[in-house]
Amino acid sequence: MADVAGSPMTIGLATSEDADLIHAGLLTIARHLGSEGKVTSTPQDIRRHGFGTQPAFSVLIARIGGDFAGMCLFFPSFSTWRGQKGAYIQDIAVEERFRGTGVGVALLRHTAAHVRMGGGTYLRLSVDAKNVSAQQFYTRMGLEWSEDERIHAAYGDAFEALAGLHESGV
C-alpha cells in the first residue's frame, strides 16, 4: 500500500466495530458541505443496516499509521440496459488532514477492484451540487457526468404517501 507522510496506508472492509468511524466520515462530508444539521443517521443505524445477515451496504476504510483516513460506502446495483452488475457509491469521505494525499484515489480504485472481483462492471454515484471539488475529482478519475439522468427522490411524507398507495389497493 502507499505511504503517506512516512506511514503506510491500508484499506480494508469495515466491520460492525467501525460504525462510529463510518458515521464520523459521514459527518466529515456534511461539515465540508455546511450541512451537518441535515445528518439524522446514528452509528447505531450504520451498525444495524450495514452489518449482519443481509447488509444494505459495504464500506472500505482507509487507515494511515493506524488512524482513520477515509472511507467509501457503496452497495450493489444492476443496470437493466447493460445487463450488468455494478455498484452505487453513496459516500466517499476523506479526513481533512489527509486530503490531497491520495486517499480518495486509493478508496475509489479499491472500491472498483472490489466490485470487479464480485462480477461488477461499473460504478455510479451522485455528487452534491455544491461539492465542486468532488465533481472535479471524479472527472479527473474518469467518471463521466450523465447529461441524460436526473435524480428523483421521495423522503418522509412523500415516501409515506407513495407507500400508502399500496395499502389502499392501488
N, C-alpha and C. Protein backbone atom coordinates (compact mmCIF):
# COMPACT_ATOMS: atom_id res chain seq x y z
N MET A 1 0.84 -1.18 0.00
CA MET A 1 0.00 0.00 0.00
C MET A 1 0.88 1.24 0.00
N ALA A 2 0.31 2.35 -0.36
CA ALA A 2 1.07 3.61 -0.46
C ALA A 2 1.46 4.13 0.92
N ASP A 3 2.55 4.89 0.95
CA ASP A 3 2.97 5.57 2.17
C ASP A 3 2.48 7.02 2.11
N VAL A 4 1.95 7.51 3.19
CA VAL A 4 1.53 8.91 3.29
C VAL A 4 2.26 9.49 4.49
N ALA A 5 3.07 10.48 4.23
CA ALA A 5 3.87 11.14 5.27
C ALA A 5 4.65 10.12 6.09
N GLY A 6 5.19 9.10 5.39
CA GLY A 6 6.01 8.11 6.06
C GLY A 6 5.25 6.98 6.72
N SER A 7 3.94 7.03 6.74
CA SER A 7 3.13 5.97 7.34
C SER A 7 2.40 5.21 6.26
N PRO A 8 2.34 3.89 6.37
CA PRO A 8 1.66 3.10 5.34
C PRO A 8 0.14 3.29 5.39
N MET A 9 -0.47 3.30 4.19
CA MET A 9 -1.92 3.35 4.09
C MET A 9 -2.41 1.92 3.89
N THR A 10 -3.42 1.54 4.64
CA THR A 10 -4.07 0.25 4.46
C THR A 10 -5.54 0.51 4.17
N ILE A 11 -6.13 -0.36 3.36
CA ILE A 11 -7.56 -0.26 3.05
C ILE A 11 -8.17 -1.64 3.22
N GLY A 12 -9.26 -1.70 3.96
CA GLY A 12 -9.93 -2.97 4.19
C GLY A 12 -11.41 -2.78 4.44
N LEU A 13 -12.15 -3.89 4.37
CA LEU A 13 -13.58 -3.86 4.62
C LEU A 13 -13.87 -3.55 6.09
N ALA A 14 -14.85 -2.72 6.30
CA ALA A 14 -15.26 -2.34 7.65
C ALA A 14 -15.98 -3.49 8.33
N THR A 15 -15.96 -3.46 9.65
CA THR A 15 -16.74 -4.39 10.46
C THR A 15 -17.70 -3.56 11.32
N SER A 16 -18.57 -4.24 12.04
CA SER A 16 -19.54 -3.52 12.87
C SER A 16 -18.85 -2.63 13.91
N GLU A 17 -17.63 -3.00 14.30
CA GLU A 17 -16.89 -2.18 15.26
C GLU A 17 -16.49 -0.83 14.67
N ASP A 18 -16.56 -0.69 13.35
CA ASP A 18 -16.19 0.55 12.67
C ASP A 18 -17.36 1.51 12.50
N ALA A 19 -18.53 1.18 13.02
CA ALA A 19 -19.73 2.01 12.80
C ALA A 19 -19.52 3.46 13.24
N ASP A 20 -18.85 3.67 14.36
CA ASP A 20 -18.61 5.05 14.82
C ASP A 20 -17.71 5.80 13.84
N LEU A 21 -16.68 5.12 13.31
CA LEU A 21 -15.79 5.75 12.33
C LEU A 21 -16.53 6.09 11.05
N ILE A 22 -17.37 5.17 10.61
CA ILE A 22 -18.15 5.39 9.38
C ILE A 22 -19.05 6.61 9.56
N HIS A 23 -19.73 6.66 10.69
CA HIS A 23 -20.62 7.79 10.95
C HIS A 23 -19.82 9.09 11.03
N ALA A 24 -18.65 9.04 11.64
CA ALA A 24 -17.79 10.23 11.69
C ALA A 24 -17.40 10.67 10.28
N GLY A 25 -17.17 9.70 9.39
CA GLY A 25 -16.87 10.03 7.99
C GLY A 25 -18.03 10.74 7.32
N LEU A 26 -19.24 10.30 7.62
CA LEU A 26 -20.42 10.97 7.06
C LEU A 26 -20.52 12.41 7.56
N LEU A 27 -20.21 12.60 8.83
CA LEU A 27 -20.23 13.96 9.38
C LEU A 27 -19.14 14.83 8.77
N THR A 28 -18.02 14.23 8.39
CA THR A 28 -16.95 14.96 7.70
C THR A 28 -17.47 15.54 6.39
N ILE A 29 -18.21 14.72 5.64
CA ILE A 29 -18.79 15.19 4.38
C ILE A 29 -19.77 16.33 4.66
N ALA A 30 -20.65 16.12 5.63
CA ALA A 30 -21.66 17.13 5.94
C ALA A 30 -21.02 18.46 6.36
N ARG A 31 -19.97 18.39 7.18
CA ARG A 31 -19.27 19.62 7.58
C ARG A 31 -18.66 20.31 6.37
N HIS A 32 -18.06 19.53 5.48
CA HIS A 32 -17.44 20.08 4.27
C HIS A 32 -18.47 20.85 3.44
N LEU A 33 -19.71 20.37 3.46
CA LEU A 33 -20.78 20.99 2.67
C LEU A 33 -21.58 22.03 3.47
N GLY A 34 -21.25 22.19 4.74
CA GLY A 34 -22.03 23.10 5.58
C GLY A 34 -23.42 22.57 5.86
N SER A 35 -23.56 21.24 5.90
CA SER A 35 -24.87 20.61 6.05
C SER A 35 -24.93 19.64 7.22
N GLU A 36 -24.11 19.86 8.23
CA GLU A 36 -24.04 18.92 9.34
C GLU A 36 -25.39 18.69 10.00
N GLY A 37 -26.22 19.73 10.06
CA GLY A 37 -27.53 19.61 10.69
C GLY A 37 -28.49 18.71 9.94
N LYS A 38 -28.18 18.37 8.71
CA LYS A 38 -29.07 17.51 7.91
C LYS A 38 -28.85 16.02 8.19
N VAL A 39 -27.76 15.67 8.83
CA VAL A 39 -27.46 14.26 9.10
C VAL A 39 -28.28 13.80 10.30
N THR A 40 -29.19 12.85 10.08
CA THR A 40 -30.01 12.32 11.16
C THR A 40 -29.66 10.88 11.49
N SER A 41 -28.79 10.26 10.71
CA SER A 41 -28.38 8.89 11.00
C SER A 41 -27.50 8.86 12.24
N THR A 42 -27.39 7.68 12.82
CA THR A 42 -26.56 7.47 14.01
C THR A 42 -25.61 6.30 13.75
N PRO A 43 -24.58 6.16 14.57
CA PRO A 43 -23.73 4.97 14.45
C PRO A 43 -24.54 3.67 14.60
N GLN A 44 -25.59 3.71 15.42
CA GLN A 44 -26.43 2.53 15.59
C GLN A 44 -27.15 2.18 14.28
N ASP A 45 -27.58 3.19 13.52
CA ASP A 45 -28.19 2.94 12.22
C ASP A 45 -27.19 2.26 11.29
N ILE A 46 -25.97 2.76 11.29
CA ILE A 46 -24.92 2.18 10.44
C ILE A 46 -24.68 0.73 10.84
N ARG A 47 -24.57 0.48 12.13
CA ARG A 47 -24.33 -0.88 12.63
C ARG A 47 -25.49 -1.80 12.26
N ARG A 48 -26.72 -1.34 12.47
CA ARG A 48 -27.91 -2.16 12.25
C ARG A 48 -28.09 -2.51 10.77
N HIS A 49 -27.90 -1.52 9.89
CA HIS A 49 -28.19 -1.75 8.48
C HIS A 49 -26.99 -2.20 7.65
N GLY A 50 -25.79 -1.99 8.17
CA GLY A 50 -24.61 -2.32 7.38
C GLY A 50 -23.96 -3.64 7.71
N PHE A 51 -24.36 -4.24 8.82
CA PHE A 51 -23.68 -5.45 9.25
C PHE A 51 -24.71 -6.45 9.75
N GLY A 52 -24.53 -7.69 9.45
CA GLY A 52 -25.48 -8.72 9.84
C GLY A 52 -25.70 -9.67 8.69
N THR A 53 -26.83 -10.35 8.71
CA THR A 53 -27.09 -11.38 7.70
C THR A 53 -27.42 -10.81 6.32
N GLN A 54 -28.02 -9.64 6.26
CA GLN A 54 -28.35 -9.01 4.98
C GLN A 54 -27.93 -7.53 5.00
N PRO A 55 -26.63 -7.26 4.93
CA PRO A 55 -26.18 -5.87 4.99
C PRO A 55 -26.67 -5.07 3.79
N ALA A 56 -27.06 -3.82 4.04
CA ALA A 56 -27.55 -2.94 2.98
C ALA A 56 -26.42 -2.30 2.20
N PHE A 57 -25.21 -2.34 2.74
CA PHE A 57 -24.07 -1.69 2.09
C PHE A 57 -22.77 -2.30 2.59
N SER A 58 -21.70 -1.96 1.91
CA SER A 58 -20.34 -2.31 2.32
C SER A 58 -19.55 -1.01 2.46
N VAL A 59 -18.49 -1.06 3.25
CA VAL A 59 -17.64 0.11 3.45
C VAL A 59 -16.19 -0.33 3.41
N LEU A 60 -15.39 0.38 2.62
CA LEU A 60 -13.95 0.22 2.67
C LEU A 60 -13.40 1.38 3.50
N ILE A 61 -12.51 1.07 4.42
CA ILE A 61 -11.91 2.09 5.28
C ILE A 61 -10.42 2.18 5.00
N ALA A 62 -9.94 3.41 4.82
CA ALA A 62 -8.51 3.67 4.67
C ALA A 62 -7.97 4.13 6.02
N ARG A 63 -6.83 3.56 6.37
CA ARG A 63 -6.14 3.96 7.60
C ARG A 63 -4.70 4.31 7.24
N ILE A 64 -4.18 5.32 7.90
CA ILE A 64 -2.79 5.72 7.72
C ILE A 64 -2.15 5.73 9.10
N GLY A 65 -1.11 4.93 9.23
CA GLY A 65 -0.48 4.81 10.55
C GLY A 65 -1.45 4.38 11.61
N GLY A 66 -2.47 3.61 11.24
CA GLY A 66 -3.49 3.15 12.17
C GLY A 66 -4.64 4.12 12.38
N ASP A 67 -4.51 5.36 11.90
CA ASP A 67 -5.57 6.37 12.06
C ASP A 67 -6.56 6.32 10.90
N PHE A 68 -7.83 6.56 11.22
CA PHE A 68 -8.87 6.64 10.20
C PHE A 68 -8.54 7.78 9.24
N ALA A 69 -8.43 7.46 7.94
CA ALA A 69 -8.11 8.48 6.94
C ALA A 69 -9.28 8.75 6.01
N GLY A 70 -10.15 7.76 5.81
CA GLY A 70 -11.28 7.95 4.92
C GLY A 70 -12.05 6.66 4.73
N MET A 71 -13.14 6.77 3.98
CA MET A 71 -13.99 5.61 3.75
C MET A 71 -14.79 5.78 2.47
N CYS A 72 -15.23 4.65 1.93
CA CYS A 72 -16.12 4.63 0.78
C CYS A 72 -17.26 3.66 1.09
N LEU A 73 -18.49 4.17 1.11
CA LEU A 73 -19.67 3.37 1.38
C LEU A 73 -20.39 3.13 0.05
N PHE A 74 -20.66 1.86 -0.26
CA PHE A 74 -21.25 1.51 -1.55
C PHE A 74 -22.17 0.30 -1.40
N PHE A 75 -23.01 0.08 -2.41
CA PHE A 75 -23.92 -1.06 -2.38
C PHE A 75 -24.16 -1.56 -3.80
N PRO A 76 -24.64 -2.80 -3.94
CA PRO A 76 -24.84 -3.38 -5.27
C PRO A 76 -25.86 -2.61 -6.09
N SER A 77 -25.64 -2.63 -7.39
CA SER A 77 -26.53 -2.00 -8.36
C SER A 77 -26.63 -2.94 -9.55
N PHE A 78 -27.66 -2.78 -10.35
CA PHE A 78 -27.80 -3.58 -11.56
C PHE A 78 -28.31 -2.70 -12.68
N SER A 79 -27.63 -2.73 -13.82
CA SER A 79 -28.06 -1.96 -14.99
C SER A 79 -28.90 -2.86 -15.88
N THR A 80 -30.18 -2.55 -15.96
CA THR A 80 -31.06 -3.35 -16.82
C THR A 80 -30.74 -3.13 -18.29
N TRP A 81 -30.29 -1.95 -18.66
CA TRP A 81 -29.96 -1.68 -20.05
C TRP A 81 -28.68 -2.39 -20.46
N ARG A 82 -27.72 -2.47 -19.56
CA ARG A 82 -26.46 -3.15 -19.87
C ARG A 82 -26.51 -4.64 -19.54
N GLY A 83 -27.43 -5.02 -18.67
CA GLY A 83 -27.47 -6.40 -18.22
C GLY A 83 -26.24 -6.75 -17.38
N GLN A 84 -25.77 -5.79 -16.59
CA GLN A 84 -24.53 -5.96 -15.83
C GLN A 84 -24.70 -5.53 -14.38
N LYS A 85 -23.93 -6.21 -13.51
CA LYS A 85 -23.86 -5.82 -12.11
C LYS A 85 -22.84 -4.70 -11.94
N GLY A 86 -23.04 -3.90 -10.93
CA GLY A 86 -22.11 -2.83 -10.60
C GLY A 86 -22.33 -2.41 -9.16
N ALA A 87 -21.96 -1.18 -8.86
CA ALA A 87 -22.17 -0.67 -7.51
C ALA A 87 -22.46 0.82 -7.57
N TYR A 88 -23.21 1.26 -6.59
CA TYR A 88 -23.51 2.67 -6.41
C TYR A 88 -22.72 3.14 -5.19
N ILE A 89 -21.91 4.16 -5.38
CA ILE A 89 -21.17 4.75 -4.27
C ILE A 89 -22.05 5.82 -3.64
N GLN A 90 -22.39 5.60 -2.38
CA GLN A 90 -23.22 6.56 -1.66
C GLN A 90 -22.37 7.69 -1.08
N ASP A 91 -21.22 7.33 -0.50
CA ASP A 91 -20.38 8.34 0.13
C ASP A 91 -18.91 7.97 0.06
N ILE A 92 -18.08 8.93 -0.29
CA ILE A 92 -16.63 8.84 -0.10
C ILE A 92 -16.26 10.01 0.80
N ALA A 93 -15.59 9.70 1.89
CA ALA A 93 -15.16 10.75 2.83
C ALA A 93 -13.67 10.59 3.08
N VAL A 94 -12.96 11.70 3.07
CA VAL A 94 -11.54 11.72 3.42
C VAL A 94 -11.36 12.76 4.52
N GLU A 95 -10.74 12.34 5.61
CA GLU A 95 -10.47 13.27 6.71
C GLU A 95 -9.67 14.46 6.19
N GLU A 96 -10.00 15.64 6.69
CA GLU A 96 -9.39 16.88 6.22
C GLU A 96 -7.86 16.81 6.17
N ARG A 97 -7.24 16.29 7.19
CA ARG A 97 -5.77 16.28 7.23
C ARG A 97 -5.14 15.34 6.23
N PHE A 98 -5.95 14.45 5.63
CA PHE A 98 -5.42 13.52 4.64
C PHE A 98 -5.83 13.86 3.21
N ARG A 99 -6.55 14.97 3.03
CA ARG A 99 -6.94 15.37 1.67
C ARG A 99 -5.71 15.74 0.87
N GLY A 100 -5.72 15.35 -0.40
CA GLY A 100 -4.60 15.64 -1.28
C GLY A 100 -3.44 14.67 -1.15
N THR A 101 -3.62 13.61 -0.37
CA THR A 101 -2.54 12.64 -0.17
C THR A 101 -2.74 11.34 -0.94
N GLY A 102 -3.84 11.25 -1.70
CA GLY A 102 -4.11 10.04 -2.47
C GLY A 102 -5.10 9.09 -1.83
N VAL A 103 -5.65 9.46 -0.68
CA VAL A 103 -6.60 8.58 0.00
C VAL A 103 -7.86 8.39 -0.84
N GLY A 104 -8.42 9.48 -1.38
CA GLY A 104 -9.63 9.37 -2.21
C GLY A 104 -9.40 8.53 -3.45
N VAL A 105 -8.26 8.72 -4.09
CA VAL A 105 -7.91 7.93 -5.28
C VAL A 105 -7.83 6.46 -4.90
N ALA A 106 -7.13 6.16 -3.81
CA ALA A 106 -6.97 4.77 -3.38
C ALA A 106 -8.32 4.14 -3.03
N LEU A 107 -9.18 4.88 -2.34
CA LEU A 107 -10.50 4.35 -1.99
C LEU A 107 -11.33 4.06 -3.23
N LEU A 108 -11.34 4.99 -4.19
CA LEU A 108 -12.11 4.78 -5.41
C LEU A 108 -11.59 3.58 -6.18
N ARG A 109 -10.28 3.46 -6.31
CA ARG A 109 -9.69 2.32 -7.03
C ARG A 109 -9.94 1.00 -6.31
N HIS A 110 -9.80 0.98 -5.00
CA HIS A 110 -10.07 -0.25 -4.25
C HIS A 110 -11.55 -0.64 -4.35
N THR A 111 -12.42 0.35 -4.34
CA THR A 111 -13.85 0.04 -4.50
C THR A 111 -14.11 -0.57 -5.86
N ALA A 112 -13.55 0.02 -6.91
CA ALA A 112 -13.72 -0.53 -8.26
C ALA A 112 -13.18 -1.96 -8.34
N ALA A 113 -12.03 -2.21 -7.75
CA ALA A 113 -11.45 -3.55 -7.76
C ALA A 113 -12.32 -4.53 -6.99
N HIS A 114 -12.86 -4.10 -5.85
CA HIS A 114 -13.74 -4.95 -5.05
C HIS A 114 -15.01 -5.31 -5.84
N VAL A 115 -15.57 -4.32 -6.50
CA VAL A 115 -16.78 -4.54 -7.30
C VAL A 115 -16.47 -5.48 -8.46
N ARG A 116 -15.34 -5.28 -9.13
CA ARG A 116 -14.96 -6.14 -10.25
C ARG A 116 -14.77 -7.59 -9.78
N MET A 117 -14.17 -7.79 -8.61
CA MET A 117 -13.99 -9.15 -8.08
C MET A 117 -15.33 -9.84 -7.86
N GLY A 118 -16.38 -9.07 -7.60
CA GLY A 118 -17.72 -9.62 -7.43
C GLY A 118 -18.50 -9.72 -8.72
N GLY A 119 -17.85 -9.51 -9.86
CA GLY A 119 -18.51 -9.61 -11.16
C GLY A 119 -19.08 -8.30 -11.67
N GLY A 120 -18.84 -7.21 -10.99
CA GLY A 120 -19.36 -5.92 -11.42
C GLY A 120 -18.54 -5.31 -12.53
N THR A 121 -19.20 -4.45 -13.31
CA THR A 121 -18.54 -3.83 -14.46
C THR A 121 -18.62 -2.30 -14.45
N TYR A 122 -19.20 -1.70 -13.41
CA TYR A 122 -19.32 -0.24 -13.40
C TYR A 122 -19.52 0.28 -11.98
N LEU A 123 -19.28 1.57 -11.83
CA LEU A 123 -19.60 2.33 -10.62
C LEU A 123 -20.50 3.49 -11.02
N ARG A 124 -21.42 3.82 -10.14
CA ARG A 124 -22.26 5.01 -10.31
C ARG A 124 -22.23 5.77 -9.00
N LEU A 125 -22.44 7.06 -9.09
CA LEU A 125 -22.56 7.88 -7.89
C LEU A 125 -23.19 9.20 -8.27
N SER A 126 -23.64 9.91 -7.28
CA SER A 126 -24.12 11.28 -7.48
C SER A 126 -23.30 12.17 -6.56
N VAL A 127 -23.23 13.43 -6.91
CA VAL A 127 -22.43 14.39 -6.16
C VAL A 127 -23.30 15.59 -5.81
N ASP A 128 -23.20 16.03 -4.58
CA ASP A 128 -23.92 17.22 -4.15
C ASP A 128 -23.56 18.38 -5.09
N ALA A 129 -24.57 19.11 -5.52
CA ALA A 129 -24.35 20.21 -6.46
C ALA A 129 -23.37 21.25 -5.93
N LYS A 130 -23.28 21.41 -4.61
CA LYS A 130 -22.36 22.38 -4.01
C LYS A 130 -20.92 21.87 -3.93
N ASN A 131 -20.73 20.57 -4.12
CA ASN A 131 -19.41 19.97 -3.89
C ASN A 131 -18.58 19.97 -5.18
N VAL A 132 -18.16 21.15 -5.58
CA VAL A 132 -17.42 21.32 -6.84
C VAL A 132 -16.10 20.56 -6.80
N SER A 133 -15.41 20.55 -5.66
CA SER A 133 -14.13 19.85 -5.59
C SER A 133 -14.31 18.35 -5.83
N ALA A 134 -15.39 17.76 -5.31
CA ALA A 134 -15.66 16.34 -5.55
C ALA A 134 -16.00 16.11 -7.02
N GLN A 135 -16.78 17.01 -7.62
CA GLN A 135 -17.10 16.86 -9.04
C GLN A 135 -15.83 16.86 -9.88
N GLN A 136 -14.92 17.75 -9.57
CA GLN A 136 -13.65 17.82 -10.30
C GLN A 136 -12.82 16.56 -10.07
N PHE A 137 -12.80 16.06 -8.85
CA PHE A 137 -12.06 14.83 -8.53
C PHE A 137 -12.58 13.66 -9.36
N TYR A 138 -13.90 13.48 -9.38
CA TYR A 138 -14.46 12.35 -10.13
C TYR A 138 -14.19 12.48 -11.62
N THR A 139 -14.24 13.67 -12.14
CA THR A 139 -13.91 13.88 -13.56
C THR A 139 -12.46 13.49 -13.82
N ARG A 140 -11.54 13.92 -12.95
CA ARG A 140 -10.13 13.54 -13.10
C ARG A 140 -9.94 12.03 -13.04
N MET A 141 -10.77 11.36 -12.27
CA MET A 141 -10.66 9.91 -12.11
C MET A 141 -11.33 9.14 -13.25
N GLY A 142 -11.94 9.85 -14.20
CA GLY A 142 -12.52 9.19 -15.36
C GLY A 142 -14.01 8.92 -15.28
N LEU A 143 -14.68 9.37 -14.22
CA LEU A 143 -16.12 9.21 -14.14
C LEU A 143 -16.77 10.33 -14.94
N GLU A 144 -17.75 9.97 -15.74
CA GLU A 144 -18.39 10.93 -16.63
C GLU A 144 -19.69 11.45 -16.02
N TRP A 145 -19.94 12.74 -16.24
CA TRP A 145 -21.20 13.35 -15.84
C TRP A 145 -22.29 12.86 -16.78
N SER A 146 -23.41 12.42 -16.24
CA SER A 146 -24.52 11.94 -17.05
C SER A 146 -25.48 13.09 -17.34
N GLU A 147 -25.50 13.52 -18.59
CA GLU A 147 -26.42 14.58 -19.00
C GLU A 147 -27.85 14.07 -19.14
N ASP A 148 -28.01 12.74 -19.25
CA ASP A 148 -29.30 12.15 -19.55
C ASP A 148 -30.16 11.84 -18.33
N GLU A 149 -29.59 11.94 -17.14
CA GLU A 149 -30.31 11.49 -15.95
C GLU A 149 -30.44 12.60 -14.92
N ARG A 150 -31.51 12.56 -14.16
CA ARG A 150 -31.73 13.43 -13.02
C ARG A 150 -32.21 12.54 -11.88
N ILE A 151 -31.76 12.82 -10.70
CA ILE A 151 -32.15 12.02 -9.54
C ILE A 151 -33.47 12.56 -9.00
N HIS A 152 -34.40 11.66 -8.78
CA HIS A 152 -35.66 11.98 -8.12
C HIS A 152 -35.70 11.17 -6.83
N ALA A 153 -36.30 11.71 -5.80
CA ALA A 153 -36.32 11.01 -4.52
C ALA A 153 -37.62 11.30 -3.79
N ALA A 154 -38.05 10.35 -2.98
CA ALA A 154 -39.21 10.52 -2.11
C ALA A 154 -38.76 10.19 -0.69
N TYR A 155 -38.85 11.17 0.20
CA TYR A 155 -38.47 11.01 1.59
C TYR A 155 -39.62 11.46 2.47
N GLY A 156 -39.63 10.99 3.70
CA GLY A 156 -40.60 11.46 4.68
C GLY A 156 -42.04 11.30 4.23
N ASP A 157 -42.80 12.39 4.27
CA ASP A 157 -44.23 12.34 3.93
C ASP A 157 -44.46 11.89 2.50
N ALA A 158 -43.60 12.32 1.59
CA ALA A 158 -43.76 11.91 0.18
C ALA A 158 -43.61 10.40 0.04
N PHE A 159 -42.64 9.82 0.74
CA PHE A 159 -42.47 8.37 0.70
C PHE A 159 -43.66 7.67 1.34
N GLU A 160 -44.09 8.17 2.48
CA GLU A 160 -45.23 7.55 3.17
C GLU A 160 -46.48 7.60 2.30
N ALA A 161 -46.68 8.69 1.58
CA ALA A 161 -47.83 8.80 0.68
C ALA A 161 -47.74 7.75 -0.43
N LEU A 162 -46.55 7.58 -0.98
CA LEU A 162 -46.38 6.55 -2.01
C LEU A 162 -46.61 5.16 -1.45
N ALA A 163 -46.06 4.88 -0.30
CA ALA A 163 -46.22 3.57 0.32
C ALA A 163 -47.67 3.31 0.68
N GLY A 164 -48.41 4.36 1.01
CA GLY A 164 -49.82 4.22 1.35
C GLY A 164 -50.68 3.83 0.17
N LEU A 165 -50.23 4.14 -1.06
CA LEU A 165 -50.99 3.75 -2.24
C LEU A 165 -51.16 2.24 -2.30
N HIS A 166 -50.12 1.51 -1.94
CA HIS A 166 -50.17 0.06 -1.96
C HIS A 166 -51.21 -0.46 -0.96
N GLU A 167 -51.25 0.17 0.20
CA GLU A 167 -52.19 -0.26 1.24
C GLU A 167 -53.64 -0.01 0.83
N SER A 168 -53.87 0.98 -0.02
CA SER A 168 -55.24 1.28 -0.42
C SER A 168 -55.68 0.46 -1.63
N GLY A 169 -54.83 -0.48 -2.05
CA GLY A 169 -55.21 -1.35 -3.15
C GLY A 169 -54.79 -0.87 -4.52
N VAL A 170 -54.10 0.24 -4.61
CA VAL A 170 -53.66 0.76 -5.90
C VAL A 170 -52.35 0.13 -6.29
